[in-house]
Amino acid sequence: GREEPVCQAKRDRLGRGLELTSFPKHELEICQMIVRSLPLILLAITIFHARPLWAQTAERVWRDASGLYEVTASLVTSDEKLIVLKDIAGELVILRRDQLSEADQEHLAAGDESKASKTAADPSEPAATELDVVAAKTAAAAKISRWELRQGGEIGGTLIGFGSQTFAVQRRQGAIFINDVELAKLPAAYELILPKIISTIDKRPVKSLSQLEKHLAEAGGGPFNYIANGVQLGLDAGGSVTVPLEMLTQREAELVAPGFARWQAARLDGVSEEDRYATDSRERLILDSYDRLRGPSAAGPLKLKQLELGLLSVNAGITEVWEVTLLPHNPYGYARTVVVPGRDSATAQALALQKFPGWQPGPTRKLSD
């Protein structure tokens, strides 16, 4: 008769380890090869899964609290303080929630509530509003952030933002340990990324776990600390992994390098906690926006500007509106486009600089006729 399946494998409670329960002796080598490969196969299924279509809202008119400024755009992403829009020209616009009109703030709040209440919703079910549909699709899709690696392959997870991670790597008792946890008990992503991190930092060819074990043994076993700074991803199996920009393809690295430089600058001594937090939040949103919109069909780097609309309420009867570009006076700042009322460009620049003293004025243009 037909022979029964020769291998059975089961996960341990960590969702990572695999063990054989039964197999004919003559197929031992085949079974062992399959079992050793399963963690990376499962990881590949996750990280090569096609990026789900993100639930972009339809274009609508967004207005500031004064009603003097408006932009037709679709919502890309948001947090509790900022939102990112994509206007009809394809440019990304960062706005503060509290500077929007009451109607727009209510619109966003409704979307926040929908997202919170529909984490397990079926997007095919009827929804009360457009934002209900968006929240349901977003929750159901569980978007995976995928990043291409310079030495081949991709890695994916839930985008955390830029981050730093220390790996204490040691070889002892014939096994590799990471931060005192055996590598075999960690999420399979570590097996994919760790040899590449160590190869990049040590500038040695370490392409596999066997080569990594040999490299560690020749160096004395360790522990050795490897600090990775870069794009940080949360893993389904728990924990997180940080991918240095040097490991990304040139296209991916160039895409995020400016934001990463600002993030690193905000980590320096002397930067206030307030500025550091503001930089972290902004750069995380920008990174998330790029991640949602990038792809093979993307035509070059995305353009982005951060608008400041709070000064429009100080119009004193002036109906002429100007855009004043201000350049930051520190390496972690981001250029602001300040929208202000003014009788001419000089008075518009002066008003913008009152709000941002020490910044360098750049191009200024009139918005209203």
Protein backbone atom coordinates (compact mmCIF):
# COMPACT_ATOMS: atom_id res chain seq x y z
CA GLY A 1 0.00 0.00 0.00
CA ARG A 2 0.84 3.68 -0.14
CA GLU A 3 3.28 4.80 2.51
CA GLU A 4 2.03 7.31 5.08
CA PRO A 5 3.66 10.77 5.32
CA VAL A 6 7.15 10.32 6.63
CA CYS A 7 7.44 13.49 8.72
CA GLN A 8 5.38 15.13 11.36
CA ALA A 9 6.51 18.29 13.07
CA LYS A 10 5.04 20.39 15.82
CA ARG A 11 5.83 23.81 17.20
CA ASP A 12 6.81 24.26 20.81
CA ARG A 13 5.08 26.85 22.98
CA LEU A 14 7.48 29.55 21.78
CA GLY A 15 6.24 29.09 18.22
CA ARG A 16 9.78 28.56 17.02
CA GLY A 17 11.26 25.17 17.94
CA LEU A 18 10.33 22.12 15.88
CA GLU A 19 10.75 18.45 16.75
CA LEU A 20 10.22 15.18 14.88
CA THR A 21 7.67 12.74 16.28
CA SER A 22 7.92 9.84 13.83
CA PHE A 23 9.69 8.89 10.60
CA PRO A 24 11.16 5.82 8.90
CA LYS A 25 14.85 5.45 9.53
CA HIS A 26 15.82 5.40 5.86
CA GLU A 27 14.39 8.90 5.40
CA LEU A 28 16.05 10.44 8.44
CA GLU A 29 18.24 12.82 6.46
CA ILE A 30 15.32 14.12 4.39
CA CYS A 31 13.23 14.74 7.48
CA GLN A 32 16.04 16.50 9.31
CA MET A 33 16.62 18.78 6.31
CA ILE A 34 12.91 19.67 6.11
CA VAL A 35 12.65 20.35 9.82
CA ARG A 36 15.77 22.49 9.89
CA SER A 37 14.38 24.50 6.97
CA LEU A 38 10.83 24.97 8.25
CA PRO A 39 11.47 28.08 10.41
CA LEU A 40 12.96 29.96 7.46
CA ILE A 41 10.23 28.65 5.15
CA LEU A 42 7.60 29.96 7.55
CA LEU A 43 9.45 33.27 7.79
CA ALA A 44 9.64 33.50 4.01
CA ILE A 45 5.89 32.99 3.77
CA THR A 46 5.48 35.97 6.07
CA ILE A 47 8.09 38.31 4.68
CA PHE A 48 7.41 37.64 1.01
CA HIS A 49 3.64 37.97 1.42
CA ALA A 50 2.47 40.72 -0.91
CA ARG A 51 2.04 44.07 0.80
CA PRO A 52 -1.72 44.53 1.29
CA LEU A 53 -3.33 47.48 -0.41
CA TRP A 54 -3.50 50.10 2.29
CA ALA A 55 -6.91 51.55 2.87
CA GLN A 56 -6.53 55.08 1.56
CA THR A 57 -9.46 57.39 2.16
CA ALA A 58 -10.97 59.27 -0.74
CA GLU A 59 -9.76 62.78 -1.46
CA ARG A 60 -11.54 65.49 0.49
CA VAL A 61 -11.01 69.15 1.28
CA TRP A 62 -9.12 69.74 4.53
CA ARG A 63 -9.25 73.20 6.13
CA ASP A 64 -7.49 74.96 8.96
CA ALA A 65 -9.33 76.44 11.94
CA SER A 66 -9.45 79.94 10.39
CA GLY A 67 -10.89 78.73 7.08
CA LEU A 68 -8.22 80.67 5.15
CA TYR A 69 -6.26 77.59 4.07
CA GLU A 70 -7.48 74.41 2.44
CA VAL A 71 -5.97 71.47 0.59
CA THR A 72 -7.59 68.67 -1.38
CA ALA A 73 -5.93 65.45 -0.28
CA SER A 74 -6.36 61.90 0.98
CA LEU A 75 -5.33 60.67 4.41
CA VAL A 76 -2.19 58.50 4.47
CA THR A 77 -1.49 57.97 8.17
CA SER A 78 -1.74 59.74 11.54
CA ASP A 79 -0.98 59.63 15.23
CA GLU A 80 -2.46 61.51 18.18
CA LYS A 81 -0.84 64.83 17.18
CA LEU A 82 -0.01 64.79 13.46
CA ILE A 83 -1.56 63.59 10.22
CA VAL A 84 -0.02 62.97 6.80
CA LEU A 85 -2.01 63.76 3.67
CA LYS A 86 -1.29 63.13 0.00
CA ASP A 87 -2.43 66.04 -2.15
CA ILE A 88 -3.60 65.90 -5.76
CA ALA A 89 -0.05 66.63 -6.98
CA GLY A 90 1.26 63.58 -5.12
CA GLU A 91 3.08 65.61 -2.45
CA LEU A 92 2.89 64.55 1.20
CA VAL A 93 1.73 67.17 3.69
CA ILE A 94 2.18 66.95 7.47
CA LEU A 95 -0.37 68.85 9.52
CA ARG A 96 -1.06 69.24 13.22
CA ARG A 97 -4.45 67.91 14.25
CA ASP A 98 -5.18 70.81 16.60
CA GLN A 99 -4.74 73.35 13.77
CA LEU A 100 -7.45 71.78 11.63
CA SER A 101 -11.06 72.87 11.45
CA GLU A 102 -13.48 71.43 13.97
CA ALA A 103 -15.16 69.41 11.22
CA ASP A 104 -11.85 67.85 10.16
CA GLN A 105 -10.92 67.02 13.75
CA GLU A 106 -14.30 65.33 14.22
CA HIS A 107 -13.73 63.43 10.97
CA LEU A 108 -10.38 62.15 12.25
CA ALA A 109 -11.80 61.29 15.67
CA ALA A 110 -14.49 59.19 14.01
CA GLY A 111 -11.79 57.30 12.14
CA ASP A 112 -9.83 56.74 15.36
CA GLU A 113 -12.91 55.29 17.02
CA SER A 114 -13.63 53.09 14.01
CA LYS A 115 -10.10 51.72 13.98
CA ALA A 116 -10.24 50.96 17.69
CA SER A 117 -13.61 49.23 17.48
CA LYS A 118 -12.96 47.16 14.33
CA THR A 119 -9.72 45.35 15.06
CA ALA A 120 -11.42 42.06 14.19
CA ALA A 121 -13.99 43.39 11.74
CA ASP A 122 -14.80 41.93 8.35
CA PRO A 123 -14.27 44.63 5.69
CA SER A 124 -17.00 43.06 3.58
CA GLU A 125 -19.63 43.84 6.23
CA PRO A 126 -21.66 47.06 5.81
CA ALA A 127 -20.08 50.04 7.55
CA ALA A 128 -21.67 53.30 8.60
CA THR A 129 -19.07 55.64 7.14
CA GLU A 130 -16.15 55.68 4.74
CA LEU A 131 -13.77 55.73 7.69
CA ASP A 132 -15.48 52.62 9.07
CA VAL A 133 -14.58 50.84 5.83
CA VAL A 134 -11.00 52.12 6.04
CA ALA A 135 -10.62 50.99 9.65
CA ALA A 136 -12.08 47.56 8.92
CA LYS A 137 -9.78 46.98 5.92
CA THR A 138 -6.75 48.21 7.84
CA ALA A 139 -7.47 45.94 10.80
CA ALA A 140 -8.19 42.91 8.63
CA ALA A 141 -5.12 43.39 6.43
CA ALA A 142 -2.58 43.68 9.32
CA LYS A 143 -0.07 45.44 7.05
CA ILE A 144 3.38 43.95 6.87
CA SER A 145 6.26 46.37 6.35
CA ARG A 146 8.72 44.70 3.95
CA TRP A 147 12.33 45.76 3.39
CA GLU A 148 14.72 44.51 0.72
CA LEU A 149 18.17 43.42 1.89
CA ARG A 150 21.37 44.29 0.00
CA GLN A 151 22.69 40.72 0.16
CA GLY A 152 19.41 39.30 -1.07
CA GLY A 153 16.01 38.51 0.38
CA GLU A 154 13.55 40.60 2.34
CA ILE A 155 12.44 40.90 5.94
CA GLY A 156 9.08 42.03 7.23
CA GLY A 157 7.19 42.89 10.39
CA THR A 158 5.14 45.60 11.99
CA LEU A 159 6.85 48.96 11.52
CA ILE A 160 7.97 50.50 14.82
CA GLY A 161 10.12 53.29 13.42
CA PHE A 162 13.82 54.02 13.72
CA GLY A 163 15.43 52.34 16.69
CA SER A 164 18.52 50.93 18.33
CA GLN A 165 19.08 47.36 19.49
CA THR A 166 22.02 45.66 21.22
CA PHE A 167 22.75 42.00 20.51
CA ALA A 168 25.05 40.27 23.00
CA VAL A 169 26.20 37.31 20.89
CA GLN A 170 27.99 34.33 22.40
CA ARG A 171 28.91 30.79 21.42
CA ARG A 172 28.86 28.36 24.32
CA GLN A 173 28.08 24.69 24.81
CA GLY A 174 27.92 24.18 21.06
CA ALA A 175 25.10 26.72 20.60
CA ILE A 176 24.70 30.41 19.76
CA PHE A 177 23.09 32.65 22.38
CA ILE A 178 21.63 36.11 21.86
CA ASN A 179 21.22 38.17 25.03
CA ASP A 180 21.47 34.88 26.99
CA VAL A 181 18.67 33.24 24.98
CA GLU A 182 19.53 30.33 22.71
CA LEU A 183 19.17 31.38 19.08
CA ALA A 184 17.12 28.25 18.34
CA LYS A 185 14.44 29.53 20.75
CA LEU A 186 14.21 33.02 19.23
CA PRO A 187 11.95 34.07 16.33
CA ALA A 188 13.24 32.74 13.03
CA ALA A 189 13.90 36.30 11.80
CA TYR A 190 17.02 36.37 13.98
CA GLU A 191 18.50 33.50 11.96
CA LEU A 192 17.96 35.49 8.80
CA ILE A 193 19.22 38.85 9.97
CA LEU A 194 21.92 38.15 12.57
CA PRO A 195 24.59 36.75 10.21
CA LYS A 196 24.05 39.78 7.97
CA ILE A 197 24.36 42.22 10.89
CA ILE A 198 27.59 40.61 12.13
CA SER A 199 28.97 40.36 8.60
CA THR A 200 28.23 44.07 8.03
CA ILE A 201 29.74 45.23 11.35
CA ASP A 202 32.77 42.89 11.42
CA LYS A 203 33.30 43.20 7.66
CA ARG A 204 33.69 39.44 7.37
CA PRO A 205 31.79 37.03 5.11
CA VAL A 206 29.22 35.46 7.46
CA LYS A 207 26.44 34.07 5.27
CA SER A 208 25.06 31.22 7.37
CA LEU A 209 24.67 30.04 10.94
CA SER A 210 27.53 27.57 10.53
CA GLN A 211 29.81 30.37 9.36
CA LEU A 212 28.58 32.53 12.26
CA GLU A 213 29.39 29.76 14.75
CA LYS A 214 32.86 29.37 13.26
CA HIS A 215 33.41 33.15 13.29
CA LEU A 216 32.46 33.36 16.98
CA ALA A 217 34.61 30.37 17.90
CA GLU A 218 37.67 31.82 16.17
CA ALA A 219 37.14 35.11 18.03
CA GLY A 220 37.03 33.38 21.41
CA GLY A 221 33.34 32.70 21.82
CA GLY A 222 32.29 36.04 23.24
CA PRO A 223 30.02 37.51 24.39
CA PHE A 224 30.39 40.28 21.82
CA ASN A 225 28.06 43.28 21.68
CA TYR A 226 26.70 44.33 18.31
CA ILE A 227 24.66 47.54 18.23
CA ALA A 228 22.24 47.86 15.34
CA ASN A 229 20.67 51.23 14.50
CA GLY A 230 18.12 51.43 11.72
CA VAL A 231 14.58 50.45 10.80
CA GLN A 232 12.93 48.58 13.66
CA LEU A 233 10.27 45.95 13.04
CA GLY A 234 8.00 44.12 15.46
CA LEU A 235 7.84 40.37 14.90
CA ASP A 236 4.70 38.24 14.97
CA ALA A 237 6.48 35.69 17.15
CA GLY A 238 7.31 38.41 19.68
CA GLY A 239 10.09 40.91 20.18
CA SER A 240 11.63 43.10 17.52
CA VAL A 241 14.57 43.26 15.17
CA THR A 242 16.49 46.29 13.92
CA VAL A 243 17.76 46.40 10.35
CA PRO A 244 20.80 48.71 9.80
CA LEU A 245 20.59 50.90 6.71
CA GLU A 246 23.83 49.34 5.46
CA MET A 247 21.93 46.06 5.05
CA LEU A 248 19.18 47.57 2.92
CA THR A 249 19.36 47.88 -0.85
CA GLN A 250 20.73 51.18 -2.09
CA ARG A 251 17.25 52.30 -3.15
CA GLU A 252 15.72 51.52 0.25
CA ALA A 253 18.62 53.08 2.16
CA GLU A 254 18.56 56.31 0.16
CA LEU A 255 14.82 56.57 0.71
CA VAL A 256 15.08 56.67 4.50
CA ALA A 257 18.61 58.06 5.02
CA PRO A 258 17.60 61.73 5.56
CA GLY A 259 15.05 60.83 8.23
CA PHE A 260 17.48 58.42 9.88
CA ALA A 261 20.12 61.19 10.04
CA ARG A 262 17.63 63.50 11.77
CA TRP A 263 16.66 60.70 14.18
CA GLN A 264 20.32 60.08 15.04
CA ALA A 265 20.95 63.80 15.55
CA ALA A 266 18.11 63.92 18.08
CA ARG A 267 19.88 61.22 20.13
CA LEU A 268 22.90 63.46 20.79
CA ASP A 269 23.61 64.97 24.19
CA GLY A 270 22.03 68.35 24.79
CA VAL A 271 18.80 67.66 22.88
CA SER A 272 15.77 68.16 25.09
CA GLU A 273 13.39 65.28 25.74
CA GLU A 274 10.61 67.33 24.15
CA ASP A 275 12.57 67.82 20.92
CA ARG A 276 13.67 64.19 20.94
CA TYR A 277 10.10 62.94 21.33
CA ALA A 278 8.83 65.32 18.64
CA THR A 279 11.55 64.12 16.26
CA ASP A 280 10.82 60.45 16.98
CA SER A 281 7.09 60.93 16.36
CA ARG A 282 7.54 62.93 13.15
CA GLU A 283 10.15 60.60 11.67
CA ARG A 284 8.06 57.57 12.50
CA LEU A 285 5.11 59.07 10.61
CA ILE A 286 7.29 60.01 7.65
CA LEU A 287 8.79 56.51 7.58
CA ASP A 288 5.32 54.98 7.77
CA SER A 289 4.12 57.21 4.92
CA TYR A 290 7.04 56.25 2.70
CA ASP A 291 6.50 52.60 3.57
CA ARG A 292 2.81 52.76 2.62
CA LEU A 293 3.36 54.57 -0.67
CA ARG A 294 6.64 53.21 -1.99
CA GLY A 295 6.71 50.38 -4.46
CA PRO A 296 7.95 49.36 -7.91
CA SER A 297 5.56 51.84 -9.53
CA ALA A 298 6.67 54.79 -7.38
CA ALA A 299 8.20 57.50 -9.54
CA GLY A 300 11.26 58.55 -7.53
CA PRO A 301 11.43 59.84 -3.95
CA LEU A 302 8.25 61.22 -2.44
CA LYS A 303 8.07 64.96 -1.78
CA LEU A 304 7.00 66.05 1.69
CA LYS A 305 6.43 69.32 3.52
CA GLN A 306 5.39 70.10 7.10
CA LEU A 307 2.85 72.88 7.35
CA GLU A 308 2.38 75.26 10.27
CA LEU A 309 -1.11 76.80 10.17
CA GLY A 310 -1.44 78.23 13.67
CA LEU A 311 -0.63 81.82 12.67
CA LEU A 312 -3.58 82.16 10.29
CA SER A 313 -5.83 83.07 13.20
CA VAL A 314 -3.74 86.24 13.69
CA ASN A 315 -4.95 87.93 10.52
CA ALA A 316 -6.15 91.35 11.79
CA GLY A 317 -8.41 91.64 8.78
CA ILE A 318 -5.66 90.74 6.28
CA THR A 319 -6.88 88.39 3.61
CA GLU A 320 -3.62 87.87 1.72
CA VAL A 321 -2.04 84.53 2.63
CA TRP A 322 1.60 83.53 2.16
CA GLU A 323 3.69 80.38 2.40
CA VAL A 324 7.06 81.01 4.07
CA THR A 325 9.63 78.20 4.05
CA LEU A 326 11.81 78.15 7.16
CA LEU A 327 14.97 76.04 7.43
CA PRO A 328 15.83 74.58 10.86
CA HIS A 329 18.75 75.75 12.96
CA ASN A 330 19.58 72.23 14.20
CA PRO A 331 20.41 68.95 12.42
CA TYR A 332 17.34 67.09 13.70
CA GLY A 333 14.78 69.68 12.62
CA TYR A 334 12.60 69.50 9.53
CA ALA A 335 11.92 72.43 7.24
CA ARG A 336 8.56 74.08 7.98
CA THR A 337 6.22 75.74 5.54
CA VAL A 338 4.54 78.42 7.63
CA VAL A 339 1.25 79.72 6.25
CA VAL A 340 0.69 83.30 7.43
CA PRO A 341 -1.37 86.38 6.60
CA GLY A 342 0.59 89.42 5.46
CA ARG A 343 0.47 92.54 3.33
CA ASP A 344 3.72 91.57 1.60
CA SER A 345 6.43 88.92 1.68
CA ALA A 346 8.59 90.83 4.16
CA THR A 347 5.85 91.10 6.78
CA ALA A 348 4.92 87.44 6.18
CA GLN A 349 8.51 86.35 6.81
CA ALA A 350 8.75 88.52 9.91
CA LEU A 351 5.60 86.96 11.37
CA ALA A 352 6.84 83.44 10.61
CA LEU A 353 10.19 84.13 12.28
CA GLN A 354 8.42 85.37 15.41
CA LYS A 355 7.00 81.87 15.75
CA PHE A 356 10.31 80.15 14.88
CA PRO A 357 13.16 82.41 16.07
CA GLY A 358 16.60 81.47 14.83
CA TRP A 359 15.30 79.61 11.77
CA GLN A 360 16.52 80.61 8.32
CA PRO A 361 13.93 82.06 5.92
CA GLY A 362 13.71 80.35 2.54
CA PRO A 363 11.40 80.69 -0.49
CA THR A 364 8.20 82.68 0.10
CA ARG A 365 5.18 82.68 -2.17
CA LYS A 366 1.74 84.25 -2.18
CA LEU A 367 -1.21 81.83 -2.02
CA SER A 368 -4.16 84.21 -2.28
CA ASP A 369 -4.97 86.47 -5.24
